[in-house]
């Protein structure tokens, strides 16, 4: 048996969890949800646009989710929902 605090401290040290002082209320979303917020058809089209430099404001993600095992990529980018919503609002207000 492990104490919860010990497990969380080890996970934060390895980078699996965000630092304790990071705002826990900020919602980080993955590519699928980011695509939906920005009006892309799916996560693949969002990642493609990101890779082609069409979203320079999002080139640097706000965080990462680290996964172990063979289910998908081991490190997946995450963006703040508020940042995505702000970008979506700016994009819809420009002619």
PDB file of N, CA and C in Angstrom:
ATOM      1  N   UNK A   1       0.844  -1.178   0.000  1.00  0.00           N
ATOM      2  CA  UNK A   1       0.000   0.000   0.000  1.00  0.00           C
ATOM      3  C   UNK A   1       0.895   1.248   0.000  1.00  0.00           C
ATOM      4  N   UNK A   2       0.460   2.248  -0.767  1.00  0.00           N
ATOM      5  CA  UNK A   2       1.186   3.503  -0.871  1.00  0.00           C
ATOM      6  C   UNK A   2       0.291   4.631  -0.385  1.00  0.00           C
ATOM      7  N   UNK A   3       0.909   5.610   0.227  1.00  0.00           N
ATOM      8  CA  UNK A   3       0.149   6.814   0.586  1.00  0.00           C
ATOM      9  C   UNK A   3      -0.117   7.603  -0.679  1.00  0.00           C
ATOM     10  N   UNK A   4      -1.295   8.185  -0.782  1.00  0.00           N
ATOM     11  CA  UNK A   4      -1.684   8.967  -1.963  1.00  0.00           C
ATOM     12  C   UNK A   4      -0.697  10.097  -2.228  1.00  0.00           C
ATOM     13  N   UNK A   5      -0.269  10.800  -1.201  1.00  0.00           N
ATOM     14  CA  UNK A   5       0.657  11.924  -1.357  1.00  0.00           C
ATOM     15  C   UNK A   5       1.992  11.450  -1.954  1.00  0.00           C
ATOM     16  N   UNK A   6       2.444  10.274  -1.563  1.00  0.00           N
ATOM     17  CA  UNK A   6       3.696   9.736  -2.086  1.00  0.00           C
ATOM     18  C   UNK A   6       3.570   9.429  -3.572  1.00  0.00           C
ATOM     19  N   UNK A   7       2.453   8.829  -3.963  1.00  0.00           N
ATOM     20  CA  UNK A   7       2.222   8.490  -5.368  1.00  0.00           C
ATOM     21  C   UNK A   7       2.128   9.758  -6.218  1.00  0.00           C
ATOM     22  N   UNK A   8       1.375  10.757  -5.742  1.00  0.00           N
ATOM     23  CA  UNK A   8       1.238  12.009  -6.487  1.00  0.00           C
ATOM     24  C   UNK A   8       2.576  12.733  -6.603  1.00  0.00           C
ATOM     25  N   UNK A   9       3.362  12.748  -5.538  1.00  0.00           N
ATOM     26  CA  UNK A   9       4.673  13.407  -5.587  1.00  0.00           C
ATOM     27  C   UNK A   9       5.581  12.723  -6.611  1.00  0.00           C
ATOM     28  N   UNK A  10       5.570  11.405  -6.635  1.00  0.00           N
ATOM     29  CA  UNK A  10       6.395  10.673  -7.608  1.00  0.00           C
ATOM     30  C   UNK A  10       5.915  10.939  -9.034  1.00  0.00           C
ATOM     31  N   UNK A  11       4.603  10.994  -9.228  1.00  0.00           N
ATOM     32  CA  UNK A  11       4.049  11.261 -10.571  1.00  0.00           C
ATOM     33  C   UNK A  11       4.390  12.669 -11.029  1.00  0.00           C
ATOM     34  N   UNK A  12       4.342  13.632 -10.129  1.00  0.00           N
ATOM     35  CA  UNK A  12       4.704  15.014 -10.494  1.00  0.00           C
ATOM     36  C   UNK A  12       6.184  15.110 -10.835  1.00  0.00           C
ATOM     37  N   UNK A  13       7.011  14.407 -10.099  1.00  0.00           N
ATOM     38  CA  UNK A  13       8.442  14.427 -10.354  1.00  0.00           C
ATOM     39  C   UNK A  13       8.766  13.835 -11.732  1.00  0.00           C
ATOM     40  N   UNK A  14       8.036  12.807 -12.138  1.00  0.00           N
ATOM     41  CA  UNK A  14       8.246  12.171 -13.441  1.00  0.00           C
ATOM     42  C   UNK A  14       7.594  12.943 -14.571  1.00  0.00           C
ATOM     43  N   UNK A  15       6.751  13.941 -14.253  1.00  0.00           N
ATOM     44  CA  UNK A  15       6.097  14.726 -15.291  1.00  0.00           C
ATOM     45  C   UNK A  15       4.782  14.153 -15.760  1.00  0.00           C
ATOM     46  N   UNK A  16       4.279  13.140 -15.076  1.00  0.00           N
ATOM     47  CA  UNK A  16       3.013  12.528 -15.449  1.00  0.00           C
ATOM     48  C   UNK A  16       1.842  13.391 -14.995  1.00  0.00           C
ATOM     49  N   UNK A  17       2.005  14.062 -13.895  1.00  0.00           N
ATOM     50  CA  UNK A  17       0.994  14.993 -13.391  1.00  0.00           C
ATOM     51  C   UNK A  17       1.568  16.407 -13.403  1.00  0.00           C
ATOM     52  N   UNK A  18       0.692  17.420 -13.551  1.00  0.00           N
ATOM     53  CA  UNK A  18       1.187  18.795 -13.499  1.00  0.00           C
ATOM     54  C   UNK A  18       1.667  19.144 -12.089  1.00  0.00           C
ATOM     55  N   UNK A  19       2.520  20.156 -11.957  1.00  0.00           N
ATOM     56  CA  UNK A  19       2.975  20.573 -10.636  1.00  0.00           C
ATOM     57  C   UNK A  19       1.797  20.942  -9.736  1.00  0.00           C
ATOM     58  N   UNK A  20       1.980  20.763  -8.446  1.00  0.00           N
ATOM     59  CA  UNK A  20       0.906  21.017  -7.488  1.00  0.00           C
ATOM     60  C   UNK A  20       0.459  22.475  -7.504  1.00  0.00           C
ATOM     61  N   UNK A  21       1.373  23.408  -7.822  1.00  0.00           N
ATOM     62  CA  UNK A  21       1.010  24.821  -7.808  1.00  0.00           C
ATOM     63  C   UNK A  21       0.330  25.268  -9.102  1.00  0.00           C
ATOM     64  N   UNK A  22       0.245  24.399 -10.108  1.00  0.00           N
ATOM     65  CA  UNK A  22      -0.437  24.762 -11.359  1.00  0.00           C
ATOM     66  C   UNK A  22      -1.936  24.823 -11.108  1.00  0.00           C
ATOM     67  N   UNK A  23      -2.600  25.746 -11.764  1.00  0.00           N
ATOM     68  CA  UNK A  23      -4.028  25.934 -11.575  1.00  0.00           C
ATOM     69  C   UNK A  23      -4.781  24.665 -11.981  1.00  0.00           C
ATOM     70  N   UNK A  24      -5.313  23.952 -11.000  1.00  0.00           N
ATOM     71  CA  UNK A  24      -6.016  22.701 -11.267  1.00  0.00           C
ATOM     72  C   UNK A  24      -7.377  22.936 -11.905  1.00  0.00           C
ATOM     73  N   UNK A  25      -7.910  24.147 -11.808  1.00  0.00           N
ATOM     74  CA  UNK A  25      -9.223  24.437 -12.381  1.00  0.00           C
ATOM     75  C   UNK A  25      -9.164  24.643 -13.887  1.00  0.00           C
ATOM     76  N   UNK A  26      -7.987  24.889 -14.435  1.00  0.00           N
ATOM     77  CA  UNK A  26      -7.856  25.104 -15.868  1.00  0.00           C
ATOM     78  C   UNK A  26      -8.004  23.768 -16.568  1.00  0.00           C
ATOM     79  N   UNK A  27      -8.925  23.711 -17.472  1.00  0.00           N
ATOM     80  CA  UNK A  27      -9.245  22.472 -18.169  1.00  0.00           C
ATOM     81  C   UNK A  27      -8.346  22.309 -19.387  1.00  0.00           C
ATOM     82  N   UNK A  28      -7.541  21.261 -19.406  1.00  0.00           N
ATOM     83  CA  UNK A  28      -6.705  20.963 -20.559  1.00  0.00           C
ATOM     84  C   UNK A  28      -7.429  19.943 -21.431  1.00  0.00           C
ATOM     85  N   UNK A  29      -7.449  20.201 -22.737  1.00  0.00           N
ATOM     86  CA  UNK A  29      -8.147  19.316 -23.655  1.00  0.00           C
ATOM     87  C   UNK A  29      -7.182  18.781 -24.703  1.00  0.00           C
ATOM     88  N   UNK A  30      -7.535  17.642 -25.275  1.00  0.00           N
ATOM     89  CA  UNK A  30      -6.727  17.019 -26.304  1.00  0.00           C
ATOM     90  C   UNK A  30      -7.121  17.477 -27.691  1.00  0.00           C
ATOM     91  N   UNK A  31      -6.534  16.842 -28.688  1.00  0.00           N
ATOM     92  CA  UNK A  31      -6.728  17.244 -30.073  1.00  0.00           C
ATOM     93  C   UNK A  31      -8.172  17.090 -30.533  1.00  0.00           C
ATOM     94  N   UNK A  32      -8.854  16.048 -30.099  1.00  0.00           N
ATOM     95  CA  UNK A  32     -10.234  15.825 -30.543  1.00  0.00           C
ATOM     96  C   UNK A  32     -11.146  16.955 -30.081  1.00  0.00           C
ATOM     97  N   UNK A  33     -11.015  17.329 -28.820  1.00  0.00           N
ATOM     98  CA  UNK A  33     -11.858  18.406 -28.297  1.00  0.00           C
ATOM     99  C   UNK A  33     -11.418  19.767 -28.850  1.00  0.00           C
ATOM    100  N   UNK A  34     -10.123  19.961 -29.033  1.00  0.00           N
ATOM    101  CA  UNK A  34      -9.624  21.199 -29.621  1.00  0.00           C
ATOM    102  C   UNK A  34     -10.172  21.364 -31.039  1.00  0.00           C
ATOM    103  N   UNK A  35     -10.209  20.268 -31.797  1.00  0.00           N
ATOM    104  CA  UNK A  35     -10.751  20.305 -33.159  1.00  0.00           C
ATOM    105  C   UNK A  35     -12.207  20.731 -33.143  1.00  0.00           C
ATOM    106  N   UNK A  36     -12.953  20.210 -32.210  1.00  0.00           N
ATOM    107  CA  UNK A  36     -14.370  20.551 -32.100  1.00  0.00           C
ATOM    108  C   UNK A  36     -14.555  22.030 -31.752  1.00  0.00           C
ATOM    109  N   UNK A  37     -13.788  22.538 -30.814  1.00  0.00           N
ATOM    110  CA  UNK A  37     -13.896  23.938 -30.394  1.00  0.00           C
ATOM    111  C   UNK A  37     -13.559  24.875 -31.546  1.00  0.00           C
ATOM    112  N   UNK A  38     -12.538  24.516 -32.338  1.00  0.00           N
ATOM    113  CA  UNK A  38     -12.082  25.383 -33.426  1.00  0.00           C
ATOM    114  C   UNK A  38     -12.808  25.136 -34.753  1.00  0.00           C
ATOM    115  N   UNK A  39     -13.718  24.175 -34.772  1.00  0.00           N
ATOM    116  CA  UNK A  39     -14.519  23.947 -35.967  1.00  0.00           C
ATOM    117  C   UNK A  39     -13.901  23.022 -36.996  1.00  0.00           C
ATOM    118  N   UNK A  40     -12.912  22.232 -36.614  1.00  0.00           N
ATOM    119  CA  UNK A  40     -12.332  21.248 -37.520  1.00  0.00           C
ATOM    120  C   UNK A  40     -13.194  19.992 -37.497  1.00  0.00           C
ATOM    121  N   UNK A  41     -13.131  19.228 -38.576  1.00  0.00           N
ATOM    122  CA  UNK A  41     -13.955  18.033 -38.689  1.00  0.00           C
ATOM    123  C   UNK A  41     -13.568  16.926 -37.727  1.00  0.00           C
ATOM    124  N   UNK A  42     -12.272  16.803 -37.461  1.00  0.00           N
ATOM    125  CA  UNK A  42     -11.801  15.763 -36.553  1.00  0.00           C
ATOM    126  C   UNK A  42     -10.398  16.109 -36.053  1.00  0.00           C
ATOM    127  N   UNK A  43      -9.885  15.263 -35.177  1.00  0.00           N
ATOM    128  CA  UNK A  43      -8.562  15.507 -34.589  1.00  0.00           C
ATOM    129  C   UNK A  43      -7.465  15.466 -35.646  1.00  0.00           C
ATOM    130  N   UNK A  44      -7.613  14.596 -36.647  1.00  0.00           N
ATOM    131  CA  UNK A  44      -6.582  14.498 -37.687  1.00  0.00           C
ATOM    132  C   UNK A  44      -6.450  15.797 -38.478  1.00  0.00           C
ATOM    133  N   UNK A  45      -7.583  16.422 -38.812  1.00  0.00           N
ATOM    134  CA  UNK A  45      -7.508  17.672 -39.573  1.00  0.00           C
ATOM    135  C   UNK A  45      -6.933  18.800 -38.710  1.00  0.00           C
ATOM    136  N   UNK A  46      -7.234  18.786 -37.412  1.00  0.00           N
ATOM    137  CA  UNK A  46      -6.659  19.773 -36.497  1.00  0.00           C
ATOM    138  C   UNK A  46      -5.144  19.590 -36.404  1.00  0.00           C
ATOM    139  N   UNK A  47      -4.685  18.347 -36.215  1.00  0.00           N
ATOM    140  CA  UNK A  47      -3.249  18.066 -36.114  1.00  0.00           C
ATOM    141  C   UNK A  47      -2.552  18.415 -37.427  1.00  0.00           C
ATOM    142  N   UNK A  48      -3.206  18.145 -38.549  1.00  0.00           N
ATOM    143  CA  UNK A  48      -2.634  18.485 -39.848  1.00  0.00           C
ATOM    144  C   UNK A  48      -2.455  20.002 -39.986  1.00  0.00           C
ATOM    145  N   UNK A  49      -3.485  20.763 -39.618  1.00  0.00           N
ATOM    146  CA  UNK A  49      -3.400  22.223 -39.675  1.00  0.00           C
ATOM    147  C   UNK A  49      -2.302  22.735 -38.752  1.00  0.00           C
ATOM    148  N   UNK A  50      -2.186  22.133 -37.588  1.00  0.00           N
ATOM    149  CA  UNK A  50      -1.147  22.514 -36.636  1.00  0.00           C
ATOM    150  C   UNK A  50       0.233  22.228 -37.228  1.00  0.00           C
ATOM    151  N   UNK A  51       0.382  21.074 -37.847  1.00  0.00           N
ATOM    152  CA  UNK A  51       1.657  20.696 -38.449  1.00  0.00           C
ATOM    153  C   UNK A  51       2.044  21.539 -39.648  1.00  0.00           C
ATOM    154  N   UNK A  52       1.051  22.072 -40.358  1.00  0.00           N
ATOM    155  CA  UNK A  52       1.322  22.912 -41.523  1.00  0.00           C
ATOM    156  C   UNK A  52       1.477  24.393 -41.161  1.00  0.00           C
ATOM    157  N   UNK A  53       1.472  24.702 -39.867  1.00  0.00           N
ATOM    158  CA  UNK A  53       1.697  26.075 -39.426  1.00  0.00           C
ATOM    159  C   UNK A  53       0.493  26.983 -39.539  1.00  0.00           C
ATOM    160  N   UNK A  54      -0.713  26.418 -39.675  1.00  0.00           N
ATOM    161  CA  UNK A  54      -1.915  27.242 -39.809  1.00  0.00           C
ATOM    162  C   UNK A  54      -2.444  27.738 -38.470  1.00  0.00           C
ATOM    163  N   UNK A  55      -1.906  27.217 -37.386  1.00  0.00           N
ATOM    164  CA  UNK A  55      -2.329  27.622 -36.041  1.00  0.00           C
ATOM    165  C   UNK A  55      -1.101  28.017 -35.210  1.00  0.00           C
ATOM    166  N   UNK A  56      -0.445  29.120 -35.579  1.00  0.00           N
ATOM    167  CA  UNK A  56       0.795  29.480 -34.876  1.00  0.00           C
ATOM    168  C   UNK A  56       0.582  29.761 -33.392  1.00  0.00           C
ATOM    169  N   UNK A  57      -0.624  30.182 -33.006  1.00  0.00           N
ATOM    170  CA  UNK A  57      -0.894  30.457 -31.591  1.00  0.00           C
ATOM    171  C   UNK A  57      -0.897  29.190 -30.747  1.00  0.00           C
ATOM    172  N   UNK A  58      -1.031  28.040 -31.376  1.00  0.00           N
ATOM    173  CA  UNK A  58      -1.144  26.787 -30.630  1.00  0.00           C
ATOM    174  C   UNK A  58       0.058  25.869 -30.809  1.00  0.00           C
ATOM    175  N   UNK A  59       1.116  26.365 -31.444  1.00  0.00           N
ATOM    176  CA  UNK A  59       2.280  25.507 -31.682  1.00  0.00           C
ATOM    177  C   UNK A  59       2.862  24.967 -30.382  1.00  0.00           C
ATOM    178  N   UNK A  60       2.828  25.767 -29.335  1.00  0.00           N
ATOM    179  CA  UNK A  60       3.317  25.318 -28.037  1.00  0.00           C
ATOM    180  C   UNK A  60       2.125  24.878 -27.188  1.00  0.00           C
ATOM    181  N   UNK A  61       2.020  23.597 -26.878  1.00  0.00           N
ATOM    182  CA  UNK A  61       0.911  23.136 -26.042  1.00  0.00           C
ATOM    183  C   UNK A  61       1.077  23.620 -24.604  1.00  0.00           C
ATOM    184  N   UNK A  62      -0.014  23.591 -23.858  1.00  0.00           N
ATOM    185  CA  UNK A  62       0.013  24.011 -22.461  1.00  0.00           C
ATOM    186  C   UNK A  62       0.395  22.874 -21.525  1.00  0.00           C
ATOM    187  N   UNK A  63       0.367  21.679 -22.035  1.00  0.00           N
ATOM    188  CA  UNK A  63       0.731  20.531 -21.214  1.00  0.00           C
ATOM    189  C   UNK A  63       0.754  19.267 -22.049  1.00  0.00           C
ATOM    190  N   UNK A  64       1.104  18.193 -21.396  1.00  0.00           N
ATOM    191  CA  UNK A  64       1.172  16.892 -22.049  1.00  0.00           C
ATOM    192  C   UNK A  64       0.512  15.855 -21.161  1.00  0.00           C
ATOM    193  N   UNK A  65      -0.031  14.843 -21.790  1.00  0.00           N
ATOM    194  CA  UNK A  65      -0.524  13.685 -21.061  1.00  0.00           C
ATOM    195  C   UNK A  65       0.388  12.536 -21.450  1.00  0.00           C
ATOM    196  N   UNK A  66       0.950  11.901 -20.459  1.00  0.00           N
ATOM    197  CA  UNK A  66       1.870  10.800 -20.715  1.00  0.00           C
ATOM    198  C   UNK A  66       1.141   9.480 -20.475  1.00  0.00           C
ATOM    199  N   UNK A  67       1.231   8.594 -21.438  1.00  0.00           N
ATOM    200  CA  UNK A  67       0.596   7.282 -21.331  1.00  0.00           C
ATOM    201  C   UNK A  67       1.651   6.205 -21.450  1.00  0.00           C
ATOM    202  N   UNK A  68       1.438   5.140 -20.740  1.00  0.00           N
ATOM    203  CA  UNK A  68       2.333   3.991 -20.812  1.00  0.00           C
ATOM    204  C   UNK A  68       1.613   2.869 -21.535  1.00  0.00           C
ATOM    205  N   UNK A  69       2.341   2.019 -22.152  1.00  0.00           N
ATOM    206  CA  UNK A  69       1.754   0.885 -22.846  1.00  0.00           C
ATOM    207  C   UNK A  69       1.645   1.154 -24.331  1.00  0.00           C
ATOM    208  N   UNK A  70       0.887   0.310 -25.005  1.00  0.00           N
ATOM    209  CA  UNK A  70       0.826   0.390 -26.455  1.00  0.00           C
ATOM    210  C   UNK A  70      -0.413   1.119 -26.971  1.00  0.00           C
ATOM    211  N   UNK A  71      -1.225   1.674 -26.117  1.00  0.00           N
ATOM    212  CA  UNK A  71      -2.468   2.331 -26.536  1.00  0.00           C
ATOM    213  C   UNK A  71      -2.191   3.767 -26.969  1.00  0.00           C
ATOM    214  N   UNK A  72      -1.914   3.976 -28.237  1.00  0.00           N
ATOM    215  CA  UNK A  72      -1.708   5.323 -28.760  1.00  0.00           C
ATOM    216  C   UNK A  72      -0.316   5.853 -28.504  1.00  0.00           C
ATOM    217  N   UNK A  73      -0.169   7.135 -28.773  1.00  0.00           N
ATOM    218  CA  UNK A  73       1.124   7.790 -28.572  1.00  0.00           C
ATOM    219  C   UNK A  73       1.431   7.902 -27.087  1.00  0.00           C
ATOM    220  N   UNK A  74       2.698   7.756 -26.695  1.00  0.00           N
ATOM    221  CA  UNK A  74       3.024   7.844 -25.270  1.00  0.00           C
ATOM    222  C   UNK A  74       2.898   9.259 -24.708  1.00  0.00           C
ATOM    223  N   UNK A  75       3.022  10.285 -25.563  1.00  0.00           N
ATOM    224  CA  UNK A  75       2.922  11.664 -25.083  1.00  0.00           C
ATOM    225  C   UNK A  75       1.950  12.398 -25.996  1.00  0.00           C
ATOM    226  N   UNK A  76       0.878  12.914 -25.419  1.00  0.00           N
ATOM    227  CA  UNK A  76      -0.114  13.625 -26.204  1.00  0.00           C
ATOM    228  C   UNK A  76      -0.220  15.065 -25.720  1.00  0.00           C
ATOM    229  N   UNK A  77      -0.322  15.985 -26.685  1.00  0.00           N
ATOM    230  CA  UNK A  77      -0.378  17.409 -26.366  1.00  0.00           C
ATOM    231  C   UNK A  77      -1.751  17.782 -25.821  1.00  0.00           C
ATOM    232  N   UNK A  78      -1.760  18.779 -24.939  1.00  0.00           N
ATOM    233  CA  UNK A  78      -2.992  19.303 -24.359  1.00  0.00           C
ATOM    234  C   UNK A  78      -2.943  20.826 -24.414  1.00  0.00           C
ATOM    235  N   UNK A  79      -4.106  21.455 -24.615  1.00  0.00           N
ATOM    236  CA  UNK A  79      -4.224  22.908 -24.663  1.00  0.00           C
ATOM    237  C   UNK A  79      -5.291  23.354 -23.681  1.00  0.00           C
ATOM    238  N   UNK A  80      -5.135  24.566 -23.156  1.00  0.00           N
ATOM    239  CA  UNK A  80      -6.138  25.127 -22.246  1.00  0.00           C
ATOM    240  C   UNK A  80      -7.401  25.444 -23.032  1.00  0.00           C
ATOM    241  N   UNK A  81      -8.524  25.022 -22.468  1.00  0.00           N
ATOM    242  CA  UNK A  81      -9.810  25.264 -23.107  1.00  0.00           C
ATOM    243  C   UNK A  81     -10.040  26.760 -23.323  1.00  0.00           C
ATOM    244  N   UNK A  82      -9.695  27.581 -22.341  1.00  0.00           N
ATOM    245  CA  UNK A  82      -9.914  29.027 -22.457  1.00  0.00           C
ATOM    246  C   UNK A  82      -9.104  29.613 -23.611  1.00  0.00           C
ATOM    247  N   UNK A  83      -7.902  29.116 -23.803  1.00  0.00           N
ATOM    248  CA  UNK A  83      -7.038  29.577 -24.899  1.00  0.00           C
ATOM    249  C   UNK A  83      -7.652  29.211 -26.252  1.00  0.00           C
ATOM    250  N   UNK A  84      -8.181  28.002 -26.375  1.00  0.00           N
ATOM    251  CA  UNK A  84      -8.822  27.563 -27.611  1.00  0.00           C
ATOM    252  C   UNK A  84     -10.089  28.369 -27.897  1.00  0.00           C
ATOM    253  N   UNK A  85     -10.883  28.597 -26.867  1.00  0.00           N
ATOM    254  CA  UNK A  85     -12.125  29.354 -27.038  1.00  0.00           C
ATOM    255  C   UNK A  85     -11.837  30.796 -27.443  1.00  0.00           C
ATOM    256  N   UNK A  86     -10.771  31.368 -26.875  1.00  0.00           N
ATOM    257  CA  UNK A  86     -10.377  32.731 -27.246  1.00  0.00           C
ATOM    258  C   UNK A  86      -9.948  32.779 -28.714  1.00  0.00           C
ATOM    259  N   UNK A  87      -9.173  31.806 -29.153  1.00  0.00           N
ATOM    260  CA  UNK A  87      -8.739  31.743 -30.547  1.00  0.00           C
ATOM    261  C   UNK A  87      -9.938  31.543 -31.472  1.00  0.00           C
ATOM    262  N   UNK A  88     -10.866  30.684 -31.093  1.00  0.00           N
ATOM    263  CA  UNK A  88     -12.062  30.454 -31.905  1.00  0.00           C
ATOM    264  C   UNK A  88     -12.885  31.722 -32.032  1.00  0.00           C
ATOM    265  N   UNK A  89     -12.987  32.493 -30.952  1.00  0.00           N
ATOM    266  CA  UNK A  89     -13.732  33.761 -30.995  1.00  0.00           C
ATOM    267  C   UNK A  89     -13.052  34.768 -31.909  1.00  0.00           C
ATOM    268  N   UNK A  90     -11.717  34.839 -31.838  1.00  0.00           N
ATOM    269  CA  UNK A  90     -10.977  35.760 -32.714  1.00  0.00           C
ATOM    270  C   UNK A  90     -11.124  35.365 -34.174  1.00  0.00           C
ATOM    271  N   UNK A  91     -11.073  34.065 -34.445  1.00  0.00           N
ATOM    272  CA  UNK A  91     -11.188  33.593 -35.826  1.00  0.00           C
ATOM    273  C   UNK A  91     -12.576  33.856 -36.400  1.00  0.00           C
ATOM    274  N   UNK A  92     -13.600  33.752 -35.569  1.00  0.00           N
ATOM    275  CA  UNK A  92     -14.959  33.963 -36.085  1.00  0.00           C
ATOM    276  C   UNK A  92     -15.292  35.442 -36.241  1.00  0.00           C
ATOM    277  N   UNK A  93     -14.546  36.320 -35.544  1.00  0.00           N
ATOM    278  CA  UNK A  93     -14.830  37.756 -35.647  1.00  0.00           C
ATOM    279  C   UNK A  93     -14.073  38.432 -36.793  1.00  0.00           C
ATOM    280  N   UNK A  94     -13.055  37.758 -37.344  1.00  0.00           N
ATOM    281  CA  UNK A  94     -12.305  38.342 -38.464  1.00  0.00           C
ATOM    282  C   UNK A  94     -13.038  38.020 -39.764  1.00  0.00           C
ATOM    283  N   UNK A  95     -13.024  38.972 -40.717  1.00  0.00           N
ATOM    284  CA  UNK A  95     -13.763  38.765 -41.969  1.00  0.00           C
ATOM    285  C   UNK A  95     -13.191  37.702 -42.859  1.00  0.00           C
TER     286      UNK A  95
END
